[in-house]
Amino acid sequence: MIKINEILNIEKAPERIVSLVPSQTELLYHLGLDRQTAGITKFCIHPGHWFRSKQRIGGTKTVNIEKVKMLQPDLILANKEENRKEDIEALQDIAPLWVSDIKNLGDALDMIKAVGRMTHKLNTARRIVRKIEQRFSRIGERQCTLKVLYLIWREPWMTIGGDTFIHDILCHAGMQNVFGDESRYISISAGQMQEKQPDIVLLSSEPYPFKEKHIKEVEEILPQARIMLTDGEMFSWYGSRILKTPAYLLRHFPQDTPFCIRKY
C-alpha cells in the first residue's frame, strides 16, 4: 500500500536521494543537499546547474526504474499527483519512498518540514517555512472578488478546481476561481468558459506553454475579460520556490487596484 504524507523514520541521514518532483528537487537544493542528491527528472529545471549536471531518470510520469535502481538511492521523493501509481509501487522495492500530496499552502509547509526531518535538515527546513510564513503575512487577508479563469492546457481547454494548490494561491492573491466548485483538473468547453463570465483569464506558462499568440484565441471566446500570461511556477511549484510567490503576487496583483495587473 502506498502511504501518502506519512513521514519515514530514517535514522541515518540519506546519502543518495532521488527526486521525482521538480518542486521537491529545488527544495533539496535549498536544504543544502547538493552532494546527497543523486537523481532528478528532466523537468527539474531549478537550480539550473543541477539540471545540467545531475543524473536524469526520465520524466515525472515516465520514470526509468532501472536508472533509479542503478543510482542505489537510500531515499526517493515522489508526489501522488505528479507521479504514476505504478511507478511509485515499483520504486518502493528499491528504497524508502516518500509520497507527498499537496492541495494548499499549509500542505506545502508541512511537506517542507517533512523532507527536512527525513533528510536530517529540519532546522534549515523550519527557517525556510518561517520565511514563507512571514512573506505571505505581508499579503494579508484579501477578499476574493476578482473572478478568474486559470487555464493550464488547450486542445482541450483545461482549468483547475477548488482542491488544488493553484486554487489556494489564487485565493491568497485575492481572486475567486470561477471553477472552484469543481475538483482537481477539468476539461472545459468554450461555452462553459463564457457561462462563468470571468473578469480575467490567466494563461499559465506551464504545463502548457501559453504564449502571446494564444491571447487573441481566448479573447475571441471571452471578449469582455482581460487575458494575460502568468508565471505558472509562482502558482504551482509548492517547494522552496514559494519563497518568491508573495512578492510576485504583490507586484502583479496589487490589492488596492485589483484590475491593474501586469504581465510577468
Foldseek 3Di string as FASTA:
>chain_A
DADELDFDDAPDAWQEEEELDLLVVLLCVLLVNPRRYAEYACPNCPPPVCNVPHHHQYHSADGNLVVVLVSQTQEYEHEPPSYDPVSQVSCVVRHHYYYYYDQALVSLLSVLQSVCVNNVSNVSSVVLSVLLVVLLVVLPQAAADAEEFEFADVPFTKGAEQRHHLNRLCNSLSHDYLRPVDHGMDTDDLVVVVVSLGQEYEYECPPPNDDPVCQVVNCVSRVNHHYAYAYNCLRHSSHSVVSCNSVQSCVQQPRVDRVRGDHD
